[in-house]
């Protein structure tokens, strides 16, 4: 099929564009990681809440970028599926069709929804956890949008420094992105690799967890817990 006219692009060009767009998500993730690290540093160094709040505003901007990027990718994919399904004799104006679908997605967006994304919630969870360990008041940082049950759950998860595998205090904690449980990195990686070498699935070792197919790629550094453990050790040494 040939493509003619201004604004009309070929299927192969769309696929190349999608690949480029998906690669941009890695940059957004990196930006979020850096922002989280800076916010945790500010808390650990006793900086004003206003400075930490500025990092929260940046996280909201990254969340908006991530949302818009995902919606645009989704609009492109939806448009391509529709074109392939209808199989037109000539390539339609894909740019116009994508823009129409993307605009439709954008109409449903709200600023409040950005603060309910998993990544933003994780960011707030890490800040609350470190503040709790540092003995810093959260009154100015956490407004009425956070309920008591959620704060208790976060506090309990951060306060547990013991690895479910080694049963000793963790040094390099990693979190399972699937279930949220944490483990000592070396212990969990050896467990997963050992199970996979036997062609068996690796279950989460946390009692009561139903995740039955873990992979090393599911593990991410638990920054807040790592900092909380370090603070706890320093406090214990100074007693």
C-alpha atoms as a PDB file:
ATOM      1  CA  UNK A   1       0.000   0.000   0.000  1.00  0.00           C
ATOM      2  CA  UNK A   2       1.295   3.408  -0.892  1.00  0.00           C
ATOM      3  CA  UNK A   3       0.954   6.460   1.269  1.00  0.00           C
ATOM      4  CA  UNK A   4       0.098   9.806  -0.304  1.00  0.00           C
ATOM      5  CA  UNK A   5      -0.613  13.297   0.925  1.00  0.00           C
ATOM      6  CA  UNK A   6       0.460  15.521   3.783  1.00  0.00           C
ATOM      7  CA  UNK A   7       0.094  14.024   7.270  1.00  0.00           C
ATOM      8  CA  UNK A   8      -0.265  10.444   6.044  1.00  0.00           C
ATOM      9  CA  UNK A   9       2.255   7.941   7.379  1.00  0.00           C
ATOM     10  CA  UNK A  10       2.949   4.288   6.665  1.00  0.00           C
ATOM     11  CA  UNK A  11       2.447   1.323   8.974  1.00  0.00           C
ATOM     12  CA  UNK A  12       6.182   0.738   9.276  1.00  0.00           C
ATOM     13  CA  UNK A  13       6.708   4.357  10.300  1.00  0.00           C
ATOM     14  CA  UNK A  14       4.100   3.907  13.024  1.00  0.00           C
ATOM     15  CA  UNK A  15       5.853   0.825  14.399  1.00  0.00           C
ATOM     16  CA  UNK A  16       9.166   2.684  14.482  1.00  0.00           C
ATOM     17  CA  UNK A  17       7.520   5.591  16.266  1.00  0.00           C
ATOM     18  CA  UNK A  18       5.978   3.266  18.851  1.00  0.00           C
ATOM     19  CA  UNK A  19       9.366   1.754  19.572  1.00  0.00           C
ATOM     20  CA  UNK A  20      10.834   5.207  20.127  1.00  0.00           C
ATOM     21  CA  UNK A  21       7.944   6.246  22.368  1.00  0.00           C
ATOM     22  CA  UNK A  22       8.269   3.152  24.545  1.00  0.00           C
ATOM     23  CA  UNK A  23      11.959   3.879  25.026  1.00  0.00           C
ATOM     24  CA  UNK A  24      10.990   7.273  26.453  1.00  0.00           C
ATOM     25  CA  UNK A  25       9.274   5.548  29.367  1.00  0.00           C
ATOM     26  CA  UNK A  26      12.671   4.489  30.693  1.00  0.00           C
ATOM     27  CA  UNK A  27      13.715   8.146  30.916  1.00  0.00           C
ATOM     28  CA  UNK A  28      10.559   9.004  32.837  1.00  0.00           C
ATOM     29  CA  UNK A  29      11.184   6.113  35.243  1.00  0.00           C
ATOM     30  CA  UNK A  30      14.747   7.323  35.772  1.00  0.00           C
ATOM     31  CA  UNK A  31      13.499  10.836  36.471  1.00  0.00           C
ATOM     32  CA  UNK A  32      11.060   9.499  39.044  1.00  0.00           C
ATOM     33  CA  UNK A  33      13.814   7.474  40.706  1.00  0.00           C
ATOM     34  CA  UNK A  34      16.070  10.531  40.932  1.00  0.00           C
ATOM     35  CA  UNK A  35      13.249  12.689  42.319  1.00  0.00           C
ATOM     36  CA  UNK A  36      12.439  10.068  44.947  1.00  0.00           C
ATOM     37  CA  UNK A  37      16.095   9.860  45.958  1.00  0.00           C
ATOM     38  CA  UNK A  38      16.375  13.638  46.290  1.00  0.00           C
ATOM     39  CA  UNK A  39      13.190  13.807  48.394  1.00  0.00           C
ATOM     40  CA  UNK A  40      14.479  11.083  50.719  1.00  0.00           C
ATOM     41  CA  UNK A  41      17.823  12.894  51.013  1.00  0.00           C
ATOM     42  CA  UNK A  42      16.010  16.101  51.953  1.00  0.00           C
ATOM     43  CA  UNK A  43      14.076  14.330  54.703  1.00  0.00           C
ATOM     44  CA  UNK A  44      17.169  12.549  55.995  1.00  0.00           C
ATOM     45  CA  UNK A  45      19.074  15.858  56.117  1.00  0.00           C
ATOM     46  CA  UNK A  46      16.289  17.586  58.037  1.00  0.00           C
ATOM     47  CA  UNK A  47      15.279  20.015  55.286  1.00  0.00           C
ATOM     48  CA  UNK A  48      12.056  22.020  55.364  1.00  0.00           C
ATOM     49  CA  UNK A  49       8.826  20.321  54.341  1.00  0.00           C
ATOM     50  CA  UNK A  50       8.449  22.912  51.573  1.00  0.00           C
ATOM     51  CA  UNK A  51      11.577  21.582  49.875  1.00  0.00           C
ATOM     52  CA  UNK A  52      10.224  18.037  50.020  1.00  0.00           C
ATOM     53  CA  UNK A  53       6.892  19.282  48.675  1.00  0.00           C
ATOM     54  CA  UNK A  54       8.703  20.680  45.643  1.00  0.00           C
ATOM     55  CA  UNK A  55       9.858  17.142  44.855  1.00  0.00           C
ATOM     56  CA  UNK A  56       6.244  15.999  45.100  1.00  0.00           C
ATOM     57  CA  UNK A  57       5.275  18.590  42.492  1.00  0.00           C
ATOM     58  CA  UNK A  58       7.982  17.235  40.199  1.00  0.00           C
ATOM     59  CA  UNK A  59       6.666  13.705  40.706  1.00  0.00           C
ATOM     60  CA  UNK A  60       3.207  14.899  39.665  1.00  0.00           C
ATOM     61  CA  UNK A  61       4.723  16.351  36.497  1.00  0.00           C
ATOM     62  CA  UNK A  62       6.462  13.059  35.749  1.00  0.00           C
ATOM     63  CA  UNK A  63       3.195  11.212  36.415  1.00  0.00           C
ATOM     64  CA  UNK A  64       1.466  13.495  33.891  1.00  0.00           C
ATOM     65  CA  UNK A  65       4.191  12.829  31.325  1.00  0.00           C
ATOM     66  CA  UNK A  66       3.878   9.103  31.892  1.00  0.00           C
ATOM     67  CA  UNK A  67       0.084   9.232  31.596  1.00  0.00           C
ATOM     68  CA  UNK A  68       0.188  11.279  28.392  1.00  0.00           C
ATOM     69  CA  UNK A  69       2.822   9.013  26.880  1.00  0.00           C
ATOM     70  CA  UNK A  70       0.869   5.871  27.710  1.00  0.00           C
ATOM     71  CA  UNK A  71      -2.325   7.361  26.353  1.00  0.00           C
ATOM     72  CA  UNK A  72      -0.653   8.353  23.117  1.00  0.00           C
ATOM     73  CA  UNK A  73       0.849   4.880  22.709  1.00  0.00           C
ATOM     74  CA  UNK A  74      -2.573   3.398  23.423  1.00  0.00           C
ATOM     75  CA  UNK A  75      -4.167   5.723  20.845  1.00  0.00           C
ATOM     76  CA  UNK A  76      -1.659   4.637  18.214  1.00  0.00           C
ATOM     77  CA  UNK A  77      -2.183   0.942  18.988  1.00  0.00           C
ATOM     78  CA  UNK A  78      -5.973   1.290  18.930  1.00  0.00           C
ATOM     79  CA  UNK A  79      -5.841   3.121  15.617  1.00  0.00           C
ATOM     80  CA  UNK A  80      -3.564   0.510  14.045  1.00  0.00           C
ATOM     81  CA  UNK A  81      -5.812  -2.337  15.206  1.00  0.00           C
ATOM     82  CA  UNK A  82      -8.818  -0.586  13.708  1.00  0.00           C
ATOM     83  CA  UNK A  83      -7.041   0.038  10.387  1.00  0.00           C
ATOM     84  CA  UNK A  84      -5.861  -3.561  10.135  1.00  0.00           C
ATOM     85  CA  UNK A  85      -9.308  -4.853  11.003  1.00  0.00           C
ATOM     86  CA  UNK A  86     -11.023  -2.703   8.370  1.00  0.00           C
ATOM     87  CA  UNK A  87      -8.225  -3.265   5.801  1.00  0.00           C
ATOM     88  CA  UNK A  88      -8.857  -0.126   3.672  1.00  0.00           C
ATOM     89  CA  UNK A  89      -7.742   0.012   0.036  1.00  0.00           C
ATOM     90  CA  UNK A  90      -5.591   3.061   0.766  1.00  0.00           C
ATOM     91  CA  UNK A  91      -3.676   4.011   3.876  1.00  0.00           C
ATOM     92  CA  UNK A  92      -5.851   6.495   5.808  1.00  0.00           C
ATOM     93  CA  UNK A  93      -4.573   9.609   7.521  1.00  0.00           C
ATOM     94  CA  UNK A  94      -3.199   7.796  10.563  1.00  0.00           C
ATOM     95  CA  UNK A  95      -1.953  10.961  12.224  1.00  0.00           C
ATOM     96  CA  UNK A  96      -5.445  12.442  12.214  1.00  0.00           C
ATOM     97  CA  UNK A  97      -7.019   9.223  13.485  1.00  0.00           C
ATOM     98  CA  UNK A  98      -4.450   8.890  16.280  1.00  0.00           C
ATOM     99  CA  UNK A  99      -4.966  12.501  17.317  1.00  0.00           C
ATOM    100  CA  UNK A 100      -8.728  11.978  17.494  1.00  0.00           C
ATOM    101  CA  UNK A 101      -8.371   8.900  19.716  1.00  0.00           C
ATOM    102  CA  UNK A 102      -5.708  10.549  21.886  1.00  0.00           C
ATOM    103  CA  UNK A 103      -7.890  13.615  22.399  1.00  0.00           C
ATOM    104  CA  UNK A 104     -10.724  11.339  23.480  1.00  0.00           C
ATOM    105  CA  UNK A 105      -8.480   9.764  26.135  1.00  0.00           C
ATOM    106  CA  UNK A 106      -7.265  13.170  27.300  1.00  0.00           C
ATOM    107  CA  UNK A 107     -10.779  14.413  28.010  1.00  0.00           C
ATOM    108  CA  UNK A 108     -11.046  11.870  30.841  1.00  0.00           C
ATOM    109  CA  UNK A 109      -7.895  13.097  32.616  1.00  0.00           C
ATOM    110  CA  UNK A 110      -7.963  14.793  36.020  1.00  0.00           C
ATOM    111  CA  UNK A 111      -5.129  16.220  38.103  1.00  0.00           C
ATOM    112  CA  UNK A 112      -6.358  14.291  41.120  1.00  0.00           C
ATOM    113  CA  UNK A 113      -5.961  10.981  39.291  1.00  0.00           C
ATOM    114  CA  UNK A 114      -2.226  11.637  38.935  1.00  0.00           C
ATOM    115  CA  UNK A 115      -1.807  11.295  42.702  1.00  0.00           C
ATOM    116  CA  UNK A 116      -3.557   7.934  42.659  1.00  0.00           C
ATOM    117  CA  UNK A 117      -1.130   6.227  40.304  1.00  0.00           C
ATOM    118  CA  UNK A 118       0.914   3.310  41.653  1.00  0.00           C
ATOM    119  CA  UNK A 119       4.213   5.125  41.194  1.00  0.00           C
ATOM    120  CA  UNK A 120       3.083   8.285  42.993  1.00  0.00           C
ATOM    121  CA  UNK A 121       1.574   6.227  45.809  1.00  0.00           C
ATOM    122  CA  UNK A 122       4.882   4.357  46.154  1.00  0.00           C
ATOM    123  CA  UNK A 123       6.703   7.715  46.310  1.00  0.00           C
ATOM    124  CA  UNK A 124       4.448   8.947  49.130  1.00  0.00           C
ATOM    125  CA  UNK A 125       4.796   5.608  50.914  1.00  0.00           C
ATOM    126  CA  UNK A 126       8.582   5.877  50.890  1.00  0.00           C
ATOM    127  CA  UNK A 127       8.484   9.434  52.249  1.00  0.00           C
ATOM    128  CA  UNK A 128       6.054   8.524  55.024  1.00  0.00           C
ATOM    129  CA  UNK A 129       8.105   5.483  55.949  1.00  0.00           C
ATOM    130  CA  UNK A 130      11.356   7.421  56.264  1.00  0.00           C
ATOM    131  CA  UNK A 131       9.660  10.244  58.189  1.00  0.00           C
ATOM    132  CA  UNK A 132       8.324   7.688  60.639  1.00  0.00           C
ATOM    133  CA  UNK A 133      11.755   6.164  61.159  1.00  0.00           C
ATOM    134  CA  UNK A 134      13.321   9.620  61.535  1.00  0.00           C
ATOM    135  CA  UNK A 135      10.672  10.700  64.026  1.00  0.00           C
ATOM    136  CA  UNK A 136       9.638  13.566  61.770  1.00  0.00           C
ATOM    137  CA  UNK A 137       6.091  14.853  62.058  1.00  0.00           C
ATOM    138  CA  UNK A 138       3.982  14.185  58.973  1.00  0.00           C
ATOM    139  CA  UNK A 139       1.323  16.719  59.872  1.00  0.00           C
ATOM    140  CA  UNK A 140       2.468  19.279  57.306  1.00  0.00           C
ATOM    141  CA  UNK A 141       3.328  16.679  54.670  1.00  0.00           C
ATOM    142  CA  UNK A 142       0.274  14.442  54.848  1.00  0.00           C
ATOM    143  CA  UNK A 143      -3.011  16.271  54.506  1.00  0.00           C
ATOM    144  CA  UNK A 144      -6.541  14.934  54.810  1.00  0.00           C
ATOM    145  CA  UNK A 145      -6.116  12.898  51.635  1.00  0.00           C
ATOM    146  CA  UNK A 146      -4.326  10.122  53.579  1.00  0.00           C
ATOM    147  CA  UNK A 147      -6.471   7.988  55.882  1.00  0.00           C
ATOM    148  CA  UNK A 148      -5.282   6.387  59.139  1.00  0.00           C
ATOM    149  CA  UNK A 149      -5.570   2.795  57.986  1.00  0.00           C
ATOM    150  CA  UNK A 150      -3.255   3.437  55.029  1.00  0.00           C
ATOM    151  CA  UNK A 151      -0.665   5.124  57.254  1.00  0.00           C
ATOM    152  CA  UNK A 152      -0.722   2.236  59.735  1.00  0.00           C
ATOM    153  CA  UNK A 153      -0.207  -0.286  56.930  1.00  0.00           C
ATOM    154  CA  UNK A 154       2.760   1.675  55.586  1.00  0.00           C
ATOM    155  CA  UNK A 155       4.301   2.015  59.041  1.00  0.00           C
ATOM    156  CA  UNK A 156       3.997  -1.699  59.668  1.00  0.00           C
ATOM    157  CA  UNK A 157       5.590  -2.586  56.317  1.00  0.00           C
ATOM    158  CA  UNK A 158       8.523  -0.211  56.828  1.00  0.00           C
ATOM    159  CA  UNK A 159       9.123  -1.268  60.438  1.00  0.00           C
ATOM    160  CA  UNK A 160       9.676  -4.905  59.494  1.00  0.00           C
ATOM    161  CA  UNK A 161      13.410  -5.150  58.857  1.00  0.00           C
ATOM    162  CA  UNK A 162      13.608  -8.952  59.010  1.00  0.00           C
ATOM    163  CA  UNK A 163      14.087 -10.961  55.820  1.00  0.00           C
ATOM    164  CA  UNK A 164      11.514 -13.788  55.563  1.00  0.00           C
ATOM    165  CA  UNK A 165      14.250 -16.067  54.174  1.00  0.00           C
ATOM    166  CA  UNK A 166      17.274 -15.417  56.409  1.00  0.00           C
ATOM    167  CA  UNK A 167      15.241 -14.317  59.451  1.00  0.00           C
ATOM    168  CA  UNK A 168      17.828 -11.636  60.190  1.00  0.00           C
ATOM    169  CA  UNK A 169      17.802  -7.876  59.650  1.00  0.00           C
ATOM    170  CA  UNK A 170      18.182  -6.976  56.000  1.00  0.00           C
ATOM    171  CA  UNK A 171      21.170  -5.044  54.664  1.00  0.00           C
ATOM    172  CA  UNK A 172      20.219  -4.697  50.993  1.00  0.00           C
ATOM    173  CA  UNK A 173      16.409  -4.975  50.862  1.00  0.00           C
ATOM    174  CA  UNK A 174      14.581  -5.442  47.583  1.00  0.00           C
ATOM    175  CA  UNK A 175      10.842  -5.318  46.986  1.00  0.00           C
ATOM    176  CA  UNK A 176       8.771  -7.654  44.851  1.00  0.00           C
ATOM    177  CA  UNK A 177       6.873  -5.389  42.428  1.00  0.00           C
ATOM    178  CA  UNK A 178       4.090  -7.968  42.211  1.00  0.00           C
ATOM    179  CA  UNK A 179       3.175  -8.438  45.874  1.00  0.00           C
ATOM    180  CA  UNK A 180       5.140  -5.681  47.626  1.00  0.00           C
ATOM    181  CA  UNK A 181       7.026  -7.971  50.013  1.00  0.00           C
ATOM    182  CA  UNK A 182      10.683  -7.327  50.780  1.00  0.00           C
ATOM    183  CA  UNK A 183      13.672  -9.646  51.141  1.00  0.00           C
ATOM    184  CA  UNK A 184      17.463  -9.548  51.384  1.00  0.00           C
ATOM    185  CA  UNK A 185      18.693  -9.281  47.786  1.00  0.00           C
ATOM    186  CA  UNK A 186      21.246 -12.103  47.828  1.00  0.00           C
ATOM    187  CA  UNK A 187      18.880 -14.492  49.598  1.00  0.00           C
ATOM    188  CA  UNK A 188      15.906 -13.989  47.304  1.00  0.00           C
ATOM    189  CA  UNK A 189      17.980 -14.029  44.112  1.00  0.00           C
ATOM    190  CA  UNK A 190      19.649 -17.310  45.113  1.00  0.00           C
ATOM    191  CA  UNK A 191      16.245 -18.787  45.986  1.00  0.00           C
ATOM    192  CA  UNK A 192      14.704 -17.782  42.648  1.00  0.00           C
ATOM    193  CA  UNK A 193      17.689 -18.938  40.604  1.00  0.00           C
ATOM    194  CA  UNK A 194      17.820 -22.243  42.478  1.00  0.00           C
ATOM    195  CA  UNK A 195      14.151 -22.958  41.777  1.00  0.00           C
ATOM    196  CA  UNK A 196      14.502 -22.007  38.112  1.00  0.00           C
ATOM    197  CA  UNK A 197      17.535 -24.265  37.693  1.00  0.00           C
ATOM    198  CA  UNK A 198      15.259 -27.119  38.760  1.00  0.00           C
ATOM    199  CA  UNK A 199      12.614 -25.940  36.254  1.00  0.00           C
ATOM    200  CA  UNK A 200      10.281 -25.029  39.100  1.00  0.00           C
ATOM    201  CA  UNK A 201       8.428 -21.839  39.932  1.00  0.00           C
ATOM    202  CA  UNK A 202       9.675 -19.662  42.779  1.00  0.00           C
ATOM    203  CA  UNK A 203       7.012 -18.784  45.344  1.00  0.00           C
ATOM    204  CA  UNK A 204       7.162 -15.666  47.493  1.00  0.00           C
ATOM    205  CA  UNK A 205       8.632 -16.837  50.822  1.00  0.00           C
ATOM    206  CA  UNK A 206       6.431 -14.493  52.811  1.00  0.00           C
ATOM    207  CA  UNK A 207       3.896 -16.557  54.752  1.00  0.00           C
ATOM    208  CA  UNK A 208       0.380 -16.125  53.366  1.00  0.00           C
ATOM    209  CA  UNK A 209       1.471 -14.645  50.016  1.00  0.00           C
ATOM    210  CA  UNK A 210      -0.091 -16.330  46.972  1.00  0.00           C
ATOM    211  CA  UNK A 211       2.482 -15.149  44.399  1.00  0.00           C
ATOM    212  CA  UNK A 212       3.760 -18.422  42.961  1.00  0.00           C
ATOM    213  CA  UNK A 213       5.926 -17.409  40.001  1.00  0.00           C
ATOM    214  CA  UNK A 214       8.635 -14.941  40.998  1.00  0.00           C
ATOM    215  CA  UNK A 215      11.408 -13.699  38.717  1.00  0.00           C
ATOM    216  CA  UNK A 216      14.569 -11.736  39.482  1.00  0.00           C
ATOM    217  CA  UNK A 217      13.229  -9.034  37.153  1.00  0.00           C
ATOM    218  CA  UNK A 218      10.349  -8.507  39.619  1.00  0.00           C
ATOM    219  CA  UNK A 219      12.775  -7.204  42.257  1.00  0.00           C
ATOM    220  CA  UNK A 220      13.526  -3.515  42.812  1.00  0.00           C
ATOM    221  CA  UNK A 221      15.602  -1.799  45.484  1.00  0.00           C
ATOM    222  CA  UNK A 222      13.415  -0.714  48.400  1.00  0.00           C
ATOM    223  CA  UNK A 223      14.960   2.728  48.850  1.00  0.00           C
ATOM    224  CA  UNK A 224      12.845   3.822  51.812  1.00  0.00           C
ATOM    225  CA  UNK A 225      13.374   0.599  53.737  1.00  0.00           C
ATOM    226  CA  UNK A 226      17.121   0.705  53.036  1.00  0.00           C
ATOM    227  CA  UNK A 227      17.331   4.211  54.453  1.00  0.00           C
ATOM    228  CA  UNK A 228      15.123   3.284  57.404  1.00  0.00           C
ATOM    229  CA  UNK A 229      17.401   0.353  58.239  1.00  0.00           C
ATOM    230  CA  UNK A 230      20.476   2.592  58.015  1.00  0.00           C
ATOM    231  CA  UNK A 231      18.879   5.174  60.312  1.00  0.00           C
ATOM    232  CA  UNK A 232      17.845   2.445  62.740  1.00  0.00           C
ATOM    233  CA  UNK A 233      21.418   1.135  62.877  1.00  0.00           C
ATOM    234  CA  UNK A 234      22.856   4.608  63.514  1.00  0.00           C
ATOM    235  CA  UNK A 235      20.335   5.221  66.293  1.00  0.00           C
ATOM    236  CA  UNK A 236      21.166   1.860  67.885  1.00  0.00           C
ATOM    237  CA  UNK A 237      24.910   2.584  67.743  1.00  0.00           C
ATOM    238  CA  UNK A 238      24.446   5.973  69.394  1.00  0.00           C
ATOM    239  CA  UNK A 239      22.530   4.568  72.359  1.00  0.00           C
END
